[in-house]
Amino acid sequence: MSFTDIQKTILKELAKEPVDRTTLVKRLEKKVKRQTVYTYINRMKDEGIILEKSGILYLPSKIKYYVEIL
């Protein structure tokens, strides 16, 4: 699986710690446009790359391991 630079940025941030969507967007606003972050989060959720439970976004362990070795 290959990721774009924006996807890598989002995944690396989520690999640090699970956070809610708003917090993640605020952290990444300096690097990427706000709407772009929301779009990528929704796409990756639909693909199963990012999971959400009780409003908290997190990575499955397989994806987290992959991101940590990038």
PDB file of N, CA and C in Angstrom:
ATOM      1  N   MET A   1       0.849  -1.174   0.000  1.00  0.00           N
ATOM      2  CA  MET A   1       0.000   0.000   0.000  1.00  0.00           C
ATOM      3  C   MET A   1       0.893   1.235   0.000  1.00  0.00           C
ATOM      4  N   SER A   2       0.567   2.200  -0.806  1.00  0.00           N
ATOM      5  CA  SER A   2       1.338   3.436  -0.827  1.00  0.00           C
ATOM      6  C   SER A   2       0.415   4.606  -0.469  1.00  0.00           C
ATOM      7  N   PHE A   3       1.004   5.598   0.169  1.00  0.00           N
ATOM      8  CA  PHE A   3       0.252   6.759   0.623  1.00  0.00           C
ATOM      9  C   PHE A   3       0.845   8.032   0.050  1.00  0.00           C
ATOM     10  N   THR A   4      -0.008   9.037  -0.133  1.00  0.00           N
ATOM     11  CA  THR A   4       0.464  10.353  -0.557  1.00  0.00           C
ATOM     12  C   THR A   4       1.105  11.045   0.645  1.00  0.00           C
ATOM     13  N   ASP A   5       1.756  12.170   0.394  1.00  0.00           N
ATOM     14  CA  ASP A   5       2.401  12.906   1.484  1.00  0.00           C
ATOM     15  C   ASP A   5       1.384  13.390   2.519  1.00  0.00           C
ATOM     16  N   ILE A   6       0.225  13.826   2.047  1.00  0.00           N
ATOM     17  CA  ILE A   6      -0.812  14.294   2.974  1.00  0.00           C
ATOM     18  C   ILE A   6      -1.312  13.133   3.826  1.00  0.00           C
ATOM     19  N   GLN A   7      -1.541  11.988   3.210  1.00  0.00           N
ATOM     20  CA  GLN A   7      -1.985  10.812   3.963  1.00  0.00           C
ATOM     21  C   GLN A   7      -0.932  10.407   4.993  1.00  0.00           C
ATOM     22  N   LYS A   8       0.323  10.432   4.606  1.00  0.00           N
ATOM     23  CA  LYS A   8       1.403  10.078   5.544  1.00  0.00           C
ATOM     24  C   LYS A   8       1.416  11.026   6.735  1.00  0.00           C
ATOM     25  N   THR A   9       1.218  12.319   6.473  1.00  0.00           N
ATOM     26  CA  THR A   9       1.196  13.309   7.547  1.00  0.00           C
ATOM     27  C   THR A   9       0.063  13.010   8.526  1.00  0.00           C
ATOM     28  N   ILE A  10      -1.114  12.723   8.012  1.00  0.00           N
ATOM     29  CA  ILE A  10      -2.266  12.418   8.858  1.00  0.00           C
ATOM     30  C   ILE A  10      -2.027  11.133   9.647  1.00  0.00           C
ATOM     31  N   LEU A  11      -1.524  10.113   8.979  1.00  0.00           N
ATOM     32  CA  LEU A  11      -1.303   8.828   9.636  1.00  0.00           C
ATOM     33  C   LEU A  11      -0.221   8.913  10.708  1.00  0.00           C
ATOM     34  N   LYS A  12       0.833   9.656  10.434  1.00  0.00           N
ATOM     35  CA  LYS A  12       1.897   9.805  11.439  1.00  0.00           C
ATOM     36  C   LYS A  12       1.373  10.515  12.682  1.00  0.00           C
ATOM     37  N   GLU A  13       0.515  11.494  12.477  1.00  0.00           N
ATOM     38  CA  GLU A  13      -0.066  12.207  13.620  1.00  0.00           C
ATOM     39  C   GLU A  13      -0.954  11.275  14.438  1.00  0.00           C
ATOM     40  N   LEU A  14      -1.738  10.451  13.765  1.00  0.00           N
ATOM     41  CA  LEU A  14      -2.607   9.502  14.469  1.00  0.00           C
ATOM     42  C   LEU A  14      -1.816   8.373  15.119  1.00  0.00           C
ATOM     43  N   ALA A  15      -0.656   8.039  14.564  1.00  0.00           N
ATOM     44  CA  ALA A  15       0.165   6.978  15.138  1.00  0.00           C
ATOM     45  C   ALA A  15       0.714   7.397  16.502  1.00  0.00           C
ATOM     46  N   LYS A  16       0.899   8.700  16.701  1.00  0.00           N
ATOM     47  CA  LYS A  16       1.401   9.192  17.988  1.00  0.00           C
ATOM     48  C   LYS A  16       0.415   8.897  19.104  1.00  0.00           C
ATOM     49  N   GLU A  17      -0.864   9.220  18.856  1.00  0.00           N
ATOM     50  CA  GLU A  17      -1.909   8.975  19.843  1.00  0.00           C
ATOM     51  C   GLU A  17      -3.281   9.108  19.186  1.00  0.00           C
ATOM     52  N   PRO A  18      -4.244   8.341  19.607  1.00  0.00           N
ATOM     53  CA  PRO A  18      -5.610   8.491  19.099  1.00  0.00           C
ATOM     54  C   PRO A  18      -6.195   9.835  19.551  1.00  0.00           C
ATOM     55  N   VAL A  19      -6.849  10.539  18.644  1.00  0.00           N
ATOM     56  CA  VAL A  19      -7.434  11.841  18.963  1.00  0.00           C
ATOM     57  C   VAL A  19      -8.774  11.986  18.258  1.00  0.00           C
ATOM     58  N   ASP A  20      -9.543  12.994  18.676  1.00  0.00           N
ATOM     59  CA  ASP A  20     -10.795  13.258  17.982  1.00  0.00           C
ATOM     60  C   ASP A  20     -10.500  14.050  16.709  1.00  0.00           C
ATOM     61  N   ARG A  21     -11.456  14.076  15.817  1.00  0.00           N
ATOM     62  CA  ARG A  21     -11.293  14.677  14.494  1.00  0.00           C
ATOM     63  C   ARG A  21     -10.906  16.154  14.569  1.00  0.00           C
ATOM     64  N   THR A  22     -11.562  16.915  15.435  1.00  0.00           N
ATOM     65  CA  THR A  22     -11.308  18.354  15.538  1.00  0.00           C
ATOM     66  C   THR A  22      -9.872  18.635  15.982  1.00  0.00           C
ATOM     67  N   THR A  23      -9.402  17.888  16.960  1.00  0.00           N
ATOM     68  CA  THR A  23      -8.037  18.071  17.444  1.00  0.00           C
ATOM     69  C   THR A  23      -7.028  17.749  16.356  1.00  0.00           C
ATOM     70  N   LEU A  24      -7.268  16.688  15.626  1.00  0.00           N
ATOM     71  CA  LEU A  24      -6.372  16.304  14.539  1.00  0.00           C
ATOM     72  C   LEU A  24      -6.305  17.391  13.474  1.00  0.00           C
ATOM     73  N   VAL A  25      -7.451  17.930  13.107  1.00  0.00           N
ATOM     74  CA  VAL A  25      -7.491  18.983  12.094  1.00  0.00           C
ATOM     75  C   VAL A  25      -6.745  20.218  12.578  1.00  0.00           C
ATOM     76  N   LYS A  26      -6.928  20.595  13.834  1.00  0.00           N
ATOM     77  CA  LYS A  26      -6.235  21.766  14.375  1.00  0.00           C
ATOM     78  C   LYS A  26      -4.723  21.570  14.354  1.00  0.00           C
ATOM     79  N   ARG A  27      -4.264  20.367  14.647  1.00  0.00           N
ATOM     80  CA  ARG A  27      -2.824  20.088  14.633  1.00  0.00           C
ATOM     81  C   ARG A  27      -2.239  20.192  13.228  1.00  0.00           C
ATOM     82  N   LEU A  28      -3.024  19.830  12.242  1.00  0.00           N
ATOM     83  CA  LEU A  28      -2.505  19.758  10.873  1.00  0.00           C
ATOM     84  C   LEU A  28      -2.809  20.986  10.030  1.00  0.00           C
ATOM     85  N   GLU A  29      -3.558  21.949  10.563  1.00  0.00           N
ATOM     86  CA  GLU A  29      -3.949  23.127   9.790  1.00  0.00           C
ATOM     87  C   GLU A  29      -2.760  23.922   9.264  1.00  0.00           C
ATOM     88  N   LYS A  30      -1.656  23.901   9.968  1.00  0.00           N
ATOM     89  CA  LYS A  30      -0.483  24.657   9.537  1.00  0.00           C
ATOM     90  C   LYS A  30       0.179  24.025   8.316  1.00  0.00           C
ATOM     91  N   LYS A  31      -0.004  22.712   8.165  1.00  0.00           N
ATOM     92  CA  LYS A  31       0.638  21.989   7.069  1.00  0.00           C
ATOM     93  C   LYS A  31      -0.294  21.772   5.881  1.00  0.00           C
ATOM     94  N   VAL A  32      -1.580  21.556   6.153  1.00  0.00           N
ATOM     95  CA  VAL A  32      -2.551  21.181   5.125  1.00  0.00           C
ATOM     96  C   VAL A  32      -3.837  21.972   5.347  1.00  0.00           C
ATOM     97  N   LYS A  33      -4.532  22.287   4.252  1.00  0.00           N
ATOM     98  CA  LYS A  33      -5.796  23.000   4.381  1.00  0.00           C
ATOM     99  C   LYS A  33      -6.802  22.186   5.199  1.00  0.00           C
ATOM    100  N   ARG A  34      -7.622  22.896   5.939  1.00  0.00           N
ATOM    101  CA  ARG A  34      -8.615  22.279   6.824  1.00  0.00           C
ATOM    102  C   ARG A  34      -9.549  21.319   6.070  1.00  0.00           C
ATOM    103  N   GLN A  35     -10.128  21.780   4.977  1.00  0.00           N
ATOM    104  CA  GLN A  35     -11.070  20.954   4.228  1.00  0.00           C
ATOM    105  C   GLN A  35     -10.387  19.722   3.646  1.00  0.00           C
ATOM    106  N   THR A  36      -9.141  19.861   3.248  1.00  0.00           N
ATOM    107  CA  THR A  36      -8.387  18.735   2.705  1.00  0.00           C
ATOM    108  C   THR A  36      -8.210  17.655   3.758  1.00  0.00           C
ATOM    109  N   VAL A  37      -7.909  18.054   4.980  1.00  0.00           N
ATOM    110  CA  VAL A  37      -7.735  17.088   6.066  1.00  0.00           C
ATOM    111  C   VAL A  37      -9.036  16.321   6.293  1.00  0.00           C
ATOM    112  N   TYR A  38     -10.155  17.040   6.345  1.00  0.00           N
ATOM    113  CA  TYR A  38     -11.452  16.376   6.530  1.00  0.00           C
ATOM    114  C   TYR A  38     -11.731  15.382   5.399  1.00  0.00           C
ATOM    115  N   THR A  39     -11.436  15.783   4.174  1.00  0.00           N
ATOM    116  CA  THR A  39     -11.664  14.914   3.021  1.00  0.00           C
ATOM    117  C   THR A  39     -10.837  13.643   3.123  1.00  0.00           C
ATOM    118  N   TYR A  40      -9.565  13.783   3.442  1.00  0.00           N
ATOM    119  CA  TYR A  40      -8.690  12.615   3.554  1.00  0.00           C
ATOM    120  C   TYR A  40      -9.097  11.710   4.711  1.00  0.00           C
ATOM    121  N   ILE A  41      -9.504  12.294   5.820  1.00  0.00           N
ATOM    122  CA  ILE A  41      -9.951  11.493   6.962  1.00  0.00           C
ATOM    123  C   ILE A  41     -11.162  10.657   6.558  1.00  0.00           C
ATOM    124  N   ASN A  42     -12.128  11.279   5.902  1.00  0.00           N
ATOM    125  CA  ASN A  42     -13.331  10.553   5.479  1.00  0.00           C
ATOM    126  C   ASN A  42     -13.000   9.434   4.495  1.00  0.00           C
ATOM    127  N   ARG A  43     -12.131   9.706   3.542  1.00  0.00           N
ATOM    128  CA  ARG A  43     -11.740   8.676   2.574  1.00  0.00           C
ATOM    129  C   ARG A  43     -11.047   7.502   3.265  1.00  0.00           C
ATOM    130  N   MET A  44     -10.122   7.816   4.154  1.00  0.00           N
ATOM    131  CA  MET A  44      -9.376   6.753   4.827  1.00  0.00           C
ATOM    132  C   MET A  44     -10.267   5.971   5.788  1.00  0.00           C
ATOM    133  N   LYS A  45     -11.272   6.624   6.351  1.00  0.00           N
ATOM    134  CA  LYS A  45     -12.245   5.896   7.179  1.00  0.00           C
ATOM    135  C   LYS A  45     -13.050   4.931   6.325  1.00  0.00           C
ATOM    136  N   ASP A  46     -13.471   5.382   5.161  1.00  0.00           N
ATOM    137  CA  ASP A  46     -14.237   4.534   4.253  1.00  0.00           C
ATOM    138  C   ASP A  46     -13.429   3.330   3.791  1.00  0.00           C
ATOM    139  N   GLU A  47     -12.123   3.502   3.638  1.00  0.00           N
ATOM    140  CA  GLU A  47     -11.242   2.429   3.190  1.00  0.00           C
ATOM    141  C   GLU A  47     -10.798   1.516   4.334  1.00  0.00           C
ATOM    142  N   GLY A  48     -11.086   1.901   5.577  1.00  0.00           N
ATOM    143  CA  GLY A  48     -10.713   1.090   6.724  1.00  0.00           C
ATOM    144  C   GLY A  48      -9.303   1.334   7.222  1.00  0.00           C
ATOM    145  N   ILE A  49      -8.663   2.377   6.736  1.00  0.00           N
ATOM    146  CA  ILE A  49      -7.309   2.709   7.175  1.00  0.00           C
ATOM    147  C   ILE A  49      -7.349   3.385   8.536  1.00  0.00           C
ATOM    148  N   ILE A  50      -8.352   4.219   8.737  1.00  0.00           N
ATOM    149  CA  ILE A  50      -8.573   4.884  10.024  1.00  0.00           C
ATOM    150  C   ILE A  50      -9.883   4.350  10.591  1.00  0.00           C
ATOM    151  N   LEU A  51      -9.872   4.073  11.884  1.00  0.00           N
ATOM    152  CA  LEU A  51     -11.077   3.616  12.570  1.00  0.00           C
ATOM    153  C   LEU A  51     -11.535   4.697  13.536  1.00  0.00           C
ATOM    154  N   GLU A  52     -12.830   4.682  13.855  1.00  0.00           N
ATOM    155  CA  GLU A  52     -13.386   5.660  14.794  1.00  0.00           C
ATOM    156  C   GLU A  52     -14.272   4.939  15.796  1.00  0.00           C
ATOM    157  N   LYS A  53     -14.040   5.237  17.057  1.00  0.00           N
ATOM    158  CA  LYS A  53     -14.862   4.669  18.117  1.00  0.00           C
ATOM    159  C   LYS A  53     -15.145   5.766  19.135  1.00  0.00           C
ATOM    160  N   SER A  54     -16.408   6.031  19.367  1.00  0.00           N
ATOM    161  CA  SER A  54     -16.844   7.074  20.303  1.00  0.00           C
ATOM    162  C   SER A  54     -16.248   8.439  19.955  1.00  0.00           C
ATOM    163  N   GLY A  55     -16.120   8.731  18.672  1.00  0.00           N
ATOM    164  CA  GLY A  55     -15.609  10.024  18.240  1.00  0.00           C
ATOM    165  C   GLY A  55     -14.097  10.148  18.233  1.00  0.00           C
ATOM    166  N   ILE A  56     -13.391   9.095  18.611  1.00  0.00           N
ATOM    167  CA  ILE A  56     -11.928   9.108  18.657  1.00  0.00           C
ATOM    168  C   ILE A  56     -11.395   8.341  17.446  1.00  0.00           C
ATOM    169  N   LEU A  57     -10.504   8.985  16.702  1.00  0.00           N
ATOM    170  CA  LEU A  57      -9.881   8.353  15.541  1.00  0.00           C
ATOM    171  C   LEU A  57      -8.630   7.605  15.986  1.00  0.00           C
ATOM    172  N   TYR A  58      -8.425   6.424  15.438  1.00  0.00           N
ATOM    173  CA  TYR A  58      -7.215   5.663  15.740  1.00  0.00           C
ATOM    174  C   TYR A  58      -6.881   4.764  14.566  1.00  0.00           C
ATOM    175  N   LEU A  59      -5.681   4.209  14.603  1.00  0.00           N
ATOM    176  CA  LEU A  59      -5.221   3.338  13.529  1.00  0.00           C
ATOM    177  C   LEU A  59      -5.276   1.885  13.959  1.00  0.00           C
ATOM    178  N   PRO A  60      -5.652   0.993  13.053  1.00  0.00           N
ATOM    179  CA  PRO A  60      -5.536  -0.435  13.357  1.00  0.00           C
ATOM    180  C   PRO A  60      -4.054  -0.768  13.546  1.00  0.00           C
ATOM    181  N   SER A  61      -3.758  -1.802  14.297  1.00  0.00           N
ATOM    182  CA  SER A  61      -2.367  -2.111  14.624  1.00  0.00           C
ATOM    183  C   SER A  61      -1.510  -2.389  13.388  1.00  0.00           C
ATOM    184  N   LYS A  62      -2.065  -3.009  12.355  1.00  0.00           N
ATOM    185  CA  LYS A  62      -1.291  -3.265  11.136  1.00  0.00           C
ATOM    186  C   LYS A  62      -0.859  -1.957  10.471  1.00  0.00           C
ATOM    187  N   ILE A  63      -1.771  -1.022  10.379  1.00  0.00           N
ATOM    188  CA  ILE A  63      -1.469   0.265   9.756  1.00  0.00           C
ATOM    189  C   ILE A  63      -0.501   1.058  10.629  1.00  0.00           C
ATOM    190  N   LYS A  64      -0.708   1.021  11.941  1.00  0.00           N
ATOM    191  CA  LYS A  64       0.161   1.743  12.865  1.00  0.00           C
ATOM    192  C   LYS A  64       1.592   1.239  12.740  1.00  0.00           C
ATOM    193  N   TYR A  65       1.771  -0.055  12.655  1.00  0.00           N
ATOM    194  CA  TYR A  65       3.111  -0.632  12.497  1.00  0.00           C
ATOM    195  C   TYR A  65       3.724  -0.155  11.183  1.00  0.00           C
ATOM    196  N   TYR A  66       2.953  -0.179  10.117  1.00  0.00           N
ATOM    197  CA  TYR A  66       3.437   0.250   8.811  1.00  0.00           C
ATOM    198  C   TYR A  66       3.864   1.715   8.850  1.00  0.00           C
ATOM    199  N   VAL A  67       3.083   2.563   9.484  1.00  0.00           N
ATOM    200  CA  VAL A  67       3.373   3.995   9.554  1.00  0.00           C
ATOM    201  C   VAL A  67       4.634   4.239  10.377  1.00  0.00           C
ATOM    202  N   GLU A  68       4.820   3.483  11.431  1.00  0.00           N
ATOM    203  CA  GLU A  68       5.984   3.687  12.295  1.00  0.00           C
ATOM    204  C   GLU A  68       7.292   3.345  11.587  1.00  0.00           C
ATOM    205  N   ILE A  69       7.252   2.466  10.592  1.00  0.00           N
ATOM    206  CA  ILE A  69       8.486   2.129   9.883  1.00  0.00           C
ATOM    207  C   ILE A  69       8.723   3.021   8.675  1.00  0.00           C
ATOM    208  N   LEU A  70       7.798   3.945   8.365  1.00  0.00           N
ATOM    209  CA  LEU A  70       7.988   4.857   7.235  1.00  0.00           C
ATOM    210  C   LEU A  70       9.112   5.820   7.497  1.00  0.00           C
TER     211      LEU A  70
END
